[in-house]
Amino acid sequence: MKVTVAKWGNSLGLRLPKQLVDELGLAPGSQVELAREGTKLVAETSNRRQIPRYRLEDLVAEMKRLGGRDAEPETIEWGADVGSEIIDDAYSRGEITLEDILKKKNAP
């Protein structure tokens, strides 16, 4: 893979192709170790452990798999809504039910 050396302030820089960046898991601010081996320039990515990313759906599914209903947290009554917590919509006013919303969502 060929890239062109470009001027960057008083230094020179290499622009890394997106495919290579994605394969190596690099992002702006990532650190790499540079070394010279004869006429070769070697850039080694850091072995820093990546922070795992989770989706809410996966976490809930795992919770249900491990404990079922027993794993669900207790619902706590916090009192009446105040200020920006107040939602004024048809559901909150009791004009429609959750079933009505789900039917509308699943309708073709």
PDB file of N, CA and C in Angstrom:
ATOM      1  N   MET A   1       0.850  -1.156   0.000  1.00  0.00           N
ATOM      2  CA  MET A   1       0.000   0.000   0.000  1.00  0.00           C
ATOM      3  C   MET A   1       0.908   1.234   0.000  1.00  0.00           C
ATOM      4  N   LYS A   2       0.756   2.081  -0.995  1.00  0.00           N
ATOM      5  CA  LYS A   2       1.592   3.269  -1.097  1.00  0.00           C
ATOM      6  C   LYS A   2       0.832   4.496  -0.613  1.00  0.00           C
ATOM      7  N   VAL A   3       1.540   5.333   0.148  1.00  0.00           N
ATOM      8  CA  VAL A   3       1.002   6.615   0.592  1.00  0.00           C
ATOM      9  C   VAL A   3       2.056   7.680   0.306  1.00  0.00           C
ATOM     10  N   THR A   4       1.660   8.935   0.306  1.00  0.00           N
ATOM     11  CA  THR A   4       2.575  10.027  -0.001  1.00  0.00           C
ATOM     12  C   THR A   4       2.936  10.772   1.273  1.00  0.00           C
ATOM     13  N   VAL A   5       4.208  11.096   1.406  1.00  0.00           N
ATOM     14  CA  VAL A   5       4.675  11.900   2.530  1.00  0.00           C
ATOM     15  C   VAL A   5       4.270  13.345   2.255  1.00  0.00           C
ATOM     16  N   ALA A   6       3.681  14.014   3.249  1.00  0.00           N
ATOM     17  CA  ALA A   6       3.220  15.393   3.089  1.00  0.00           C
ATOM     18  C   ALA A   6       3.813  16.285   4.172  1.00  0.00           C
ATOM     19  N   LYS A   7       3.920  17.564   3.900  1.00  0.00           N
ATOM     20  CA  LYS A   7       4.421  18.545   4.863  1.00  0.00           C
ATOM     21  C   LYS A   7       3.324  18.809   5.890  1.00  0.00           C
ATOM     22  N   TRP A   8       3.706  18.834   7.157  1.00  0.00           N
ATOM     23  CA  TRP A   8       2.767  19.103   8.234  1.00  0.00           C
ATOM     24  C   TRP A   8       3.488  19.999   9.233  1.00  0.00           C
ATOM     25  N   GLY A   9       3.307  21.309   9.115  1.00  0.00           N
ATOM     26  CA  GLY A   9       4.060  22.262   9.923  1.00  0.00           C
ATOM     27  C   GLY A   9       5.527  22.144   9.585  1.00  0.00           C
ATOM     28  N   ASN A  10       6.390  21.976  10.580  1.00  0.00           N
ATOM     29  CA  ASN A  10       7.825  21.778  10.355  1.00  0.00           C
ATOM     30  C   ASN A  10       8.169  20.296  10.197  1.00  0.00           C
ATOM     31  N   SER A  11       7.172  19.435  10.253  1.00  0.00           N
ATOM     32  CA  SER A  11       7.391  17.991  10.190  1.00  0.00           C
ATOM     33  C   SER A  11       6.817  17.432   8.892  1.00  0.00           C
ATOM     34  N   LEU A  12       6.919  16.132   8.762  1.00  0.00           N
ATOM     35  CA  LEU A  12       6.303  15.421   7.649  1.00  0.00           C
ATOM     36  C   LEU A  12       5.282  14.447   8.212  1.00  0.00           C
ATOM     37  N   GLY A  13       4.266  14.145   7.428  1.00  0.00           N
ATOM     38  CA  GLY A  13       3.232  13.237   7.902  1.00  0.00           C
ATOM     39  C   GLY A  13       2.817  12.261   6.832  1.00  0.00           C
ATOM     40  N   LEU A  14       2.246  11.163   7.270  1.00  0.00           N
ATOM     41  CA  LEU A  14       1.688  10.154   6.382  1.00  0.00           C
ATOM     42  C   LEU A  14       0.195  10.089   6.643  1.00  0.00           C
ATOM     43  N   ARG A  15      -0.593  10.072   5.585  1.00  0.00           N
ATOM     44  CA  ARG A  15      -2.040   9.918   5.727  1.00  0.00           C
ATOM     45  C   ARG A  15      -2.350   8.434   5.625  1.00  0.00           C
ATOM     46  N   LEU A  16      -3.022   7.909   6.651  1.00  0.00           N
ATOM     47  CA  LEU A  16      -3.323   6.477   6.691  1.00  0.00           C
ATOM     48  C   LEU A  16      -4.672   6.207   6.030  1.00  0.00           C
ATOM     49  N   PRO A  17      -4.733   5.250   5.111  1.00  0.00           N
ATOM     50  CA  PRO A  17      -6.000   4.921   4.450  1.00  0.00           C
ATOM     51  C   PRO A  17      -7.031   4.386   5.444  1.00  0.00           C
ATOM     52  N   LYS A  18      -8.309   4.707   5.202  1.00  0.00           N
ATOM     53  CA  LYS A  18      -9.396   4.331   6.100  1.00  0.00           C
ATOM     54  C   LYS A  18      -9.429   2.829   6.367  1.00  0.00           C
ATOM     55  N   GLN A  19      -9.249   2.011   5.335  1.00  0.00           N
ATOM     56  CA  GLN A  19      -9.302   0.556   5.514  1.00  0.00           C
ATOM     57  C   GLN A  19      -8.253   0.102   6.525  1.00  0.00           C
ATOM     58  N   LEU A  20      -7.039   0.632   6.426  1.00  0.00           N
ATOM     59  CA  LEU A  20      -5.967   0.267   7.348  1.00  0.00           C
ATOM     60  C   LEU A  20      -6.286   0.760   8.764  1.00  0.00           C
ATOM     61  N   VAL A  21      -6.790   1.971   8.871  1.00  0.00           N
ATOM     62  CA  VAL A  21      -7.166   2.537  10.171  1.00  0.00           C
ATOM     63  C   VAL A  21      -8.228   1.666  10.833  1.00  0.00           C
ATOM     64  N   ASP A  22      -9.243   1.264  10.046  1.00  0.00           N
ATOM     65  CA  ASP A  22     -10.310   0.415  10.595  1.00  0.00           C
ATOM     66  C   ASP A  22      -9.773  -0.945  11.032  1.00  0.00           C
ATOM     67  N   GLU A  23      -8.922  -1.548  10.226  1.00  0.00           N
ATOM     68  CA  GLU A  23      -8.361  -2.867  10.545  1.00  0.00           C
ATOM     69  C   GLU A  23      -7.538  -2.836  11.826  1.00  0.00           C
ATOM     70  N   LEU A  24      -6.814  -1.728  12.037  1.00  0.00           N
ATOM     71  CA  LEU A  24      -5.947  -1.617  13.216  1.00  0.00           C
ATOM     72  C   LEU A  24      -6.667  -1.025  14.427  1.00  0.00           C
ATOM     73  N   GLY A  25      -7.896  -0.559  14.225  1.00  0.00           N
ATOM     74  CA  GLY A  25      -8.653   0.020  15.334  1.00  0.00           C
ATOM     75  C   GLY A  25      -8.097   1.357  15.790  1.00  0.00           C
ATOM     76  N   LEU A  26      -7.550   2.135  14.861  1.00  0.00           N
ATOM     77  CA  LEU A  26      -6.987   3.431  15.204  1.00  0.00           C
ATOM     78  C   LEU A  26      -8.053   4.516  15.166  1.00  0.00           C
ATOM     79  N   ALA A  27      -7.824   5.577  15.924  1.00  0.00           N
ATOM     80  CA  ALA A  27      -8.722   6.725  15.955  1.00  0.00           C
ATOM     81  C   ALA A  27      -7.865   7.961  16.208  1.00  0.00           C
ATOM     82  N   PRO A  28      -8.393   9.153  15.936  1.00  0.00           N
ATOM     83  CA  PRO A  28      -7.616  10.359  16.256  1.00  0.00           C
ATOM     84  C   PRO A  28      -7.170  10.324  17.714  1.00  0.00           C
ATOM     85  N   GLY A  29      -5.902  10.571  17.935  1.00  0.00           N
ATOM     86  CA  GLY A  29      -5.341  10.525  19.284  1.00  0.00           C
ATOM     87  C   GLY A  29      -4.699   9.195  19.635  1.00  0.00           C
ATOM     88  N   SER A  30      -4.888   8.167  18.788  1.00  0.00           N
ATOM     89  CA  SER A  30      -4.241   6.874  19.048  1.00  0.00           C
ATOM     90  C   SER A  30      -2.731   7.057  18.981  1.00  0.00           C
ATOM     91  N   GLN A  31      -2.021   6.318  19.816  1.00  0.00           N
ATOM     92  CA  GLN A  31      -0.569   6.393  19.806  1.00  0.00           C
ATOM     93  C   GLN A  31       0.012   5.149  19.155  1.00  0.00           C
ATOM     94  N   VAL A  32       1.062   5.357  18.359  1.00  0.00           N
ATOM     95  CA  VAL A  32       1.793   4.256  17.741  1.00  0.00           C
ATOM     96  C   VAL A  32       3.273   4.447  18.040  1.00  0.00           C
ATOM     97  N   GLU A  33       3.995   3.349  18.076  1.00  0.00           N
ATOM     98  CA  GLU A  33       5.441   3.362  18.310  1.00  0.00           C
ATOM     99  C   GLU A  33       6.130   3.315  16.949  1.00  0.00           C
ATOM    100  N   LEU A  34       6.982   4.303  16.659  1.00  0.00           N
ATOM    101  CA  LEU A  34       7.715   4.335  15.395  1.00  0.00           C
ATOM    102  C   LEU A  34       9.137   3.856  15.605  1.00  0.00           C
ATOM    103  N   ALA A  35       9.637   3.091  14.634  1.00  0.00           N
ATOM    104  CA  ALA A  35      11.014   2.603  14.689  1.00  0.00           C
ATOM    105  C   ALA A  35      11.559   2.514  13.265  1.00  0.00           C
ATOM    106  N   ARG A  36      12.865   2.591  13.157  1.00  0.00           N
ATOM    107  CA  ARG A  36      13.513   2.428  11.859  1.00  0.00           C
ATOM    108  C   ARG A  36      14.229   1.101  11.861  1.00  0.00           C
ATOM    109  N   GLU A  37      13.999   0.315  10.823  1.00  0.00           N
ATOM    110  CA  GLU A  37      14.698  -0.955  10.636  1.00  0.00           C
ATOM    111  C   GLU A  37      15.349  -0.892   9.264  1.00  0.00           C
ATOM    112  N   GLY A  38      16.599  -0.444   9.222  1.00  0.00           N
ATOM    113  CA  GLY A  38      17.290  -0.232   7.949  1.00  0.00           C
ATOM    114  C   GLY A  38      16.609   0.907   7.218  1.00  0.00           C
ATOM    115  N   THR A  39      16.070   0.632   6.032  1.00  0.00           N
ATOM    116  CA  THR A  39      15.350   1.662   5.282  1.00  0.00           C
ATOM    117  C   THR A  39      13.844   1.575   5.507  1.00  0.00           C
ATOM    118  N   LYS A  40      13.418   0.702   6.410  1.00  0.00           N
ATOM    119  CA  LYS A  40      11.988   0.535   6.680  1.00  0.00           C
ATOM    120  C   LYS A  40      11.557   1.401   7.863  1.00  0.00           C
ATOM    121  N   LEU A  41      10.397   1.979   7.740  1.00  0.00           N
ATOM    122  CA  LEU A  41       9.756   2.692   8.832  1.00  0.00           C
ATOM    123  C   LEU A  41       8.683   1.750   9.374  1.00  0.00           C
ATOM    124  N   VAL A  42       8.786   1.397  10.643  1.00  0.00           N
ATOM    125  CA  VAL A  42       7.852   0.457  11.257  1.00  0.00           C
ATOM    126  C   VAL A  42       7.006   1.212  12.271  1.00  0.00           C
ATOM    127  N   ALA A  43       5.693   1.108  12.132  1.00  0.00           N
ATOM    128  CA  ALA A  43       4.760   1.731  13.067  1.00  0.00           C
ATOM    129  C   ALA A  43       3.998   0.611  13.758  1.00  0.00           C
ATOM    130  N   GLU A  44       4.149   0.526  15.070  1.00  0.00           N
ATOM    131  CA  GLU A  44       3.484  -0.534  15.832  1.00  0.00           C
ATOM    132  C   GLU A  44       2.391   0.086  16.692  1.00  0.00           C
ATOM    133  N   THR A  45       1.187  -0.485  16.602  1.00  0.00           N
ATOM    134  CA  THR A  45       0.074   0.047  17.381  1.00  0.00           C
ATOM    135  C   THR A  45       0.243  -0.312  18.846  1.00  0.00           C
ATOM    136  N   SER A  46      -0.322   0.508  19.682  1.00  0.00           N
ATOM    137  CA  SER A  46      -0.267   0.287  21.120  1.00  0.00           C
ATOM    138  C   SER A  46      -1.099  -0.936  21.474  1.00  0.00           C
ATOM    139  N   ASN A  47      -0.687  -1.660  22.484  1.00  0.00           N
ATOM    140  CA  ASN A  47      -1.431  -2.840  22.935  1.00  0.00           C
ATOM    141  C   ASN A  47      -2.413  -2.486  24.034  1.00  0.00           C
ATOM    142  N   ARG A  48      -2.792  -1.189  24.086  1.00  0.00           N
ATOM    143  CA  ARG A  48      -3.751  -0.788  25.108  1.00  0.00           C
ATOM    144  C   ARG A  48      -5.040  -1.582  24.955  1.00  0.00           C
ATOM    145  N   ARG A  49      -5.577  -1.981  26.076  1.00  0.00           N
ATOM    146  CA  ARG A  49      -6.826  -2.747  26.061  1.00  0.00           C
ATOM    147  C   ARG A  49      -7.962  -1.833  25.621  1.00  0.00           C
ATOM    148  N   GLN A  50      -8.745  -2.301  24.662  1.00  0.00           N
ATOM    149  CA  GLN A  50      -9.888  -1.545  24.174  1.00  0.00           C
ATOM    150  C   GLN A  50     -11.007  -1.587  25.210  1.00  0.00           C
ATOM    151  N   ILE A  51     -11.723  -0.491  25.355  1.00  0.00           N
ATOM    152  CA  ILE A  51     -12.862  -0.433  26.260  1.00  0.00           C
ATOM    153  C   ILE A  51     -14.026  -1.143  25.578  1.00  0.00           C
ATOM    154  N   PRO A  52     -14.593  -2.156  26.219  1.00  0.00           N
ATOM    155  CA  PRO A  52     -15.697  -2.878  25.579  1.00  0.00           C
ATOM    156  C   PRO A  52     -16.917  -1.980  25.426  1.00  0.00           C
ATOM    157  N   ARG A  53     -17.672  -2.204  24.376  1.00  0.00           N
ATOM    158  CA  ARG A  53     -18.898  -1.460  24.129  1.00  0.00           C
ATOM    159  C   ARG A  53     -20.060  -2.448  24.180  1.00  0.00           C
ATOM    160  N   TYR A  54     -21.124  -2.036  24.866  1.00  0.00           N
ATOM    161  CA  TYR A  54     -22.280  -2.896  25.025  1.00  0.00           C
ATOM    162  C   TYR A  54     -23.523  -2.196  24.497  1.00  0.00           C
ATOM    163  N   ARG A  55     -24.454  -2.993  23.977  1.00  0.00           N
ATOM    164  CA  ARG A  55     -25.758  -2.479  23.586  1.00  0.00           C
ATOM    165  C   ARG A  55     -26.741  -2.823  24.692  1.00  0.00           C
ATOM    166  N   LEU A  56     -27.678  -1.936  24.952  1.00  0.00           N
ATOM    167  CA  LEU A  56     -28.664  -2.161  26.007  1.00  0.00           C
ATOM    168  C   LEU A  56     -29.420  -3.464  25.782  1.00  0.00           C
ATOM    169  N   GLU A  57     -29.764  -3.752  24.522  1.00  0.00           N
ATOM    170  CA  GLU A  57     -30.514  -4.969  24.224  1.00  0.00           C
ATOM    171  C   GLU A  57     -29.735  -6.212  24.654  1.00  0.00           C
ATOM    172  N   ASP A  58     -28.418  -6.199  24.420  1.00  0.00           N
ATOM    173  CA  ASP A  58     -27.593  -7.350  24.795  1.00  0.00           C
ATOM    174  C   ASP A  58     -27.500  -7.497  26.312  1.00  0.00           C
ATOM    175  N   LEU A  59     -27.386  -6.375  27.021  1.00  0.00           N
ATOM    176  CA  LEU A  59     -27.299  -6.424  28.484  1.00  0.00           C
ATOM    177  C   LEU A  59     -28.600  -6.947  29.091  1.00  0.00           C
ATOM    178  N   VAL A  60     -29.732  -6.479  28.566  1.00  0.00           N
ATOM    179  CA  VAL A  60     -31.024  -6.939  29.084  1.00  0.00           C
ATOM    180  C   VAL A  60     -31.214  -8.423  28.787  1.00  0.00           C
ATOM    181  N   ALA A  61     -30.842  -8.856  27.579  1.00  0.00           N
ATOM    182  CA  ALA A  61     -30.971 -10.273  27.221  1.00  0.00           C
ATOM    183  C   ALA A  61     -30.115 -11.146  28.142  1.00  0.00           C
ATOM    184  N   GLU A  62     -28.913 -10.702  28.438  1.00  0.00           N
ATOM    185  CA  GLU A  62     -28.036 -11.468  29.338  1.00  0.00           C
ATOM    186  C   GLU A  62     -28.604 -11.503  30.752  1.00  0.00           C
ATOM    187  N   MET A  63     -29.174 -10.380  31.195  1.00  0.00           N
ATOM    188  CA  MET A  63     -29.785 -10.330  32.526  1.00  0.00           C
ATOM    189  C   MET A  63     -30.925 -11.342  32.610  1.00  0.00           C
ATOM    190  N   LYS A  64     -31.764 -11.378  31.569  1.00  0.00           N
ATOM    191  CA  LYS A  64     -32.889 -12.315  31.569  1.00  0.00           C
ATOM    192  C   LYS A  64     -32.404 -13.753  31.487  1.00  0.00           C
ATOM    193  N   ARG A  65     -31.339 -13.983  30.732  1.00  0.00           N
ATOM    194  CA  ARG A  65     -30.793 -15.338  30.603  1.00  0.00           C
ATOM    195  C   ARG A  65     -30.266 -15.836  31.938  1.00  0.00           C
ATOM    196  N   LEU A  66     -29.609 -14.969  32.679  1.00  0.00           N
ATOM    197  CA  LEU A  66     -28.986 -15.378  33.940  1.00  0.00           C
ATOM    198  C   LEU A  66     -29.964 -15.504  35.094  1.00  0.00           C
ATOM    199  N   GLY A  67     -30.952 -14.609  35.147  1.00  0.00           N
ATOM    200  CA  GLY A  67     -31.798 -14.636  36.336  1.00  0.00           C
ATOM    201  C   GLY A  67     -33.271 -14.545  36.095  1.00  0.00           C
ATOM    202  N   GLY A  68     -33.684 -14.339  34.872  1.00  0.00           N
ATOM    203  CA  GLY A  68     -35.111 -14.212  34.599  1.00  0.00           C
ATOM    204  C   GLY A  68     -35.729 -13.078  35.379  1.00  0.00           C
ATOM    205  N   ARG A  69     -36.948 -13.262  35.832  1.00  0.00           N
ATOM    206  CA  ARG A  69     -37.670 -12.220  36.580  1.00  0.00           C
ATOM    207  C   ARG A  69     -36.970 -11.864  37.896  1.00  0.00           C
ATOM    208  N   ASP A  70     -36.265 -12.822  38.477  1.00  0.00           N
ATOM    209  CA  ASP A  70     -35.586 -12.568  39.756  1.00  0.00           C
ATOM    210  C   ASP A  70     -34.470 -11.537  39.606  1.00  0.00           C
ATOM    211  N   ALA A  71     -33.965 -11.358  38.390  1.00  0.00           N
ATOM    212  CA  ALA A  71     -32.857 -10.428  38.170  1.00  0.00           C
ATOM    213  C   ALA A  71     -33.329  -9.002  37.912  1.00  0.00           C
ATOM    214  N   GLU A  72     -34.644  -8.807  37.717  1.00  0.00           N
ATOM    215  CA  GLU A  72     -35.148  -7.466  37.436  1.00  0.00           C
ATOM    216  C   GLU A  72     -35.168  -6.646  38.719  1.00  0.00           C
ATOM    217  N   PRO A  73     -34.732  -5.389  38.631  1.00  0.00           N
ATOM    218  CA  PRO A  73     -34.733  -4.552  39.835  1.00  0.00           C
ATOM    219  C   PRO A  73     -36.157  -4.194  40.258  1.00  0.00           C
ATOM    220  N   GLU A  74     -36.300  -3.927  41.523  1.00  0.00           N
ATOM    221  CA  GLU A  74     -37.591  -3.539  42.082  1.00  0.00           C
ATOM    222  C   GLU A  74     -37.989  -2.159  41.565  1.00  0.00           C
ATOM    223  N   THR A  75     -39.269  -1.978  41.261  1.00  0.00           N
ATOM    224  CA  THR A  75     -39.770  -0.669  40.836  1.00  0.00           C
ATOM    225  C   THR A  75     -40.000   0.180  42.074  1.00  0.00           C
ATOM    226  N   ILE A  76     -39.520   1.410  42.031  1.00  0.00           N
ATOM    227  CA  ILE A  76     -39.631   2.301  43.179  1.00  0.00           C
ATOM    228  C   ILE A  76     -40.510   3.486  42.809  1.00  0.00           C
ATOM    229  N   GLU A  77     -41.442   3.848  43.672  1.00  0.00           N
ATOM    230  CA  GLU A  77     -42.294   5.010  43.453  1.00  0.00           C
ATOM    231  C   GLU A  77     -41.580   6.243  44.007  1.00  0.00           C
ATOM    232  N   TRP A  78     -41.278   7.182  43.144  1.00  0.00           N
ATOM    233  CA  TRP A  78     -40.533   8.383  43.526  1.00  0.00           C
ATOM    234  C   TRP A  78     -41.431   9.565  43.830  1.00  0.00           C
ATOM    235  N   GLY A  79     -42.733   9.416  43.664  1.00  0.00           N
ATOM    236  CA  GLY A  79     -43.648  10.524  43.907  1.00  0.00           C
ATOM    237  C   GLY A  79     -44.080  11.168  42.602  1.00  0.00           C
ATOM    238  N   ALA A  80     -44.796  12.265  42.717  1.00  0.00           N
ATOM    239  CA  ALA A  80     -45.345  12.948  41.550  1.00  0.00           C
ATOM    240  C   ALA A  80     -44.232  13.585  40.711  1.00  0.00           C
ATOM    241  N   ASP A  81     -44.493  13.647  39.384  1.00  0.00           N
ATOM    242  CA  ASP A  81     -43.551  14.318  38.495  1.00  0.00           C
ATOM    243  C   ASP A  81     -43.551  15.812  38.775  1.00  0.00           C
ATOM    244  N   VAL A  82     -42.370  16.428  38.600  1.00  0.00           N
ATOM    245  CA  VAL A  82     -42.216  17.846  38.866  1.00  0.00           C
ATOM    246  C   VAL A  82     -41.424  18.472  37.726  1.00  0.00           C
ATOM    247  N   GLY A  83     -41.772  19.691  37.329  1.00  0.00           N
ATOM    248  CA  GLY A  83     -40.981  20.435  36.340  1.00  0.00           C
ATOM    249  C   GLY A  83     -40.879  19.730  35.000  1.00  0.00           C
ATOM    250  N   SER A  84     -39.649  19.582  34.507  1.00  0.00           N
ATOM    251  CA  SER A  84     -39.443  19.022  33.169  1.00  0.00           C
ATOM    252  C   SER A  84     -39.744  17.530  33.103  1.00  0.00           C
ATOM    253  N   GLU A  85     -40.002  16.901  34.241  1.00  0.00           N
ATOM    254  CA  GLU A  85     -40.375  15.486  34.236  1.00  0.00           C
ATOM    255  C   GLU A  85     -41.802  15.295  33.732  1.00  0.00           C
ATOM    256  N   ILE A  86     -42.596  16.347  33.769  1.00  0.00           N
ATOM    257  CA  ILE A  86     -44.002  16.250  33.394  1.00  0.00           C
ATOM    258  C   ILE A  86     -44.107  16.110  31.883  1.00  0.00           C
ATOM    259  N   ILE A  87     -44.772  15.043  31.466  1.00  0.00           N
ATOM    260  CA  ILE A  87     -44.988  14.782  30.042  1.00  0.00           C
ATOM    261  C   ILE A  87     -46.475  14.888  29.780  1.00  0.00           C
ATOM    262  N   ASP A  88     -46.851  15.719  28.824  1.00  0.00           N
ATOM    263  CA  ASP A  88     -48.261  15.903  28.502  1.00  0.00           C
ATOM    264  C   ASP A  88     -48.517  15.308  27.124  1.00  0.00           C
ATOM    265  N   ASP A  89     -48.871  14.017  27.103  1.00  0.00           N
ATOM    266  CA  ASP A  89     -49.214  13.363  25.844  1.00  0.00           C
ATOM    267  C   ASP A  89     -50.415  12.450  26.091  1.00  0.00           C
ATOM    268  N   ALA A  90     -50.920  11.857  25.013  1.00  0.00           N
ATOM    269  CA  ALA A  90     -52.131  11.034  25.115  1.00  0.00           C
ATOM    270  C   ALA A  90     -51.952   9.868  26.087  1.00  0.00           C
ATOM    271  N   TYR A  91     -50.774   9.246  26.103  1.00  0.00           N
ATOM    272  CA  TYR A  91     -50.536   8.122  27.000  1.00  0.00           C
ATOM    273  C   TYR A  91     -50.561   8.584  28.461  1.00  0.00           C
ATOM    274  N   SER A  92     -49.881   9.693  28.739  1.00  0.00           N
ATOM    275  CA  SER A  92     -49.808  10.206  30.116  1.00  0.00           C
ATOM    276  C   SER A  92     -51.176  10.650  30.625  1.00  0.00           C
ATOM    277  N   ARG A  93     -52.022  11.134  29.710  1.00  0.00           N
ATOM    278  CA  ARG A  93     -53.366  11.556  30.109  1.00  0.00           C
ATOM    279  C   ARG A  93     -54.333  10.376  30.203  1.00  0.00           C
ATOM    280  N   GLY A  94     -53.890   9.159  29.855  1.00  0.00           N
ATOM    281  CA  GLY A  94     -54.727   7.978  29.945  1.00  0.00           C
ATOM    282  C   GLY A  94     -55.669   7.808  28.770  1.00  0.00           C
ATOM    283  N   GLU A  95     -55.435   8.562  27.677  1.00  0.00           N
ATOM    284  CA  GLU A  95     -56.321   8.480  26.517  1.00  0.00           C
ATOM    285  C   GLU A  95     -56.024   7.260  25.648  1.00  0.00           C
ATOM    286  N   ILE A  96     -54.796   6.749  25.716  1.00  0.00           N
ATOM    287  CA  ILE A  96     -54.423   5.537  24.988  1.00  0.00           C
ATOM    288  C   ILE A  96     -53.618   4.646  25.931  1.00  0.00           C
ATOM    289  N   THR A  97     -53.509   3.363  25.560  1.00  0.00           N
ATOM    290  CA  THR A  97     -52.774   2.408  26.394  1.00  0.00           C
ATOM    291  C   THR A  97     -51.483   1.997  25.680  1.00  0.00           C
ATOM    292  N   LEU A  98     -50.654   1.280  26.378  1.00  0.00           N
ATOM    293  CA  LEU A  98     -49.418   0.764  25.789  1.00  0.00           C
ATOM    294  C   LEU A  98     -49.744  -0.171  24.625  1.00  0.00           C
ATOM    295  N   GLU A  99     -50.805  -0.951  24.766  1.00  0.00           N
ATOM    296  CA  GLU A  99     -51.209  -1.858  23.683  1.00  0.00           C
ATOM    297  C   GLU A  99     -51.545  -1.078  22.414  1.00  0.00           C
ATOM    298  N   ASP A 100     -52.210   0.078  22.564  1.00  0.00           N
ATOM    299  CA  ASP A 100     -52.541   0.918  21.411  1.00  0.00           C
ATOM    300  C   ASP A 100     -51.264   1.376  20.701  1.00  0.00           C
ATOM    301  N   ILE A 101     -50.273   1.759  21.476  1.00  0.00           N
ATOM    302  CA  ILE A 101     -48.999   2.229  20.911  1.00  0.00           C
ATOM    303  C   ILE A 101     -48.302   1.100  20.183  1.00  0.00           C
ATOM    304  N   LEU A 102     -48.281  -0.089  20.806  1.00  0.00           N
ATOM    305  CA  LEU A 102     -47.603  -1.233  20.183  1.00  0.00           C
ATOM    306  C   LEU A 102     -48.305  -1.693  18.909  1.00  0.00           C
ATOM    307  N   LYS A 103     -49.643  -1.662  18.910  1.00  0.00           N
ATOM    308  CA  LYS A 103     -50.394  -2.025  17.701  1.00  0.00           C
ATOM    309  C   LYS A 103     -50.055  -1.076  16.562  1.00  0.00           C
ATOM    310  N   LYS A 104     -50.004   0.216  16.865  1.00  0.00           N
ATOM    311  CA  LYS A 104     -49.693   1.226  15.845  1.00  0.00           C
ATOM    312  C   LYS A 104     -48.270   1.058  15.319  1.00  0.00           C
ATOM    313  N   LYS A 105     -47.346   0.718  16.218  1.00  0.00           N
ATOM    314  CA  LYS A 105     -45.950   0.526  15.836  1.00  0.00           C
ATOM    315  C   LYS A 105     -45.782  -0.696  14.930  1.00  0.00           C
ATOM    316  N   ASN A 106     -46.534  -1.771  15.181  1.00  0.00           N
ATOM    317  CA  ASN A 106     -46.419  -3.012  14.424  1.00  0.00           C
ATOM    318  C   ASN A 106     -47.330  -3.062  13.200  1.00  0.00           C
ATOM    319  N   ALA A 107     -48.155  -2.031  13.006  1.00  0.00           N
ATOM    320  CA  ALA A 107     -49.055  -2.011  11.850  1.00  0.00           C
ATOM    321  C   ALA A 107     -48.241  -1.811  10.561  1.00  0.00           C
ATOM    322  N   PRO A 108     -48.696  -2.444   9.455  1.00  0.00           N
ATOM    323  CA  PRO A 108     -47.948  -2.314   8.182  1.00  0.00           C
ATOM    324  C   PRO A 108     -48.021  -0.934   7.574  1.00  0.00           C
TER     325      PRO A 108
END
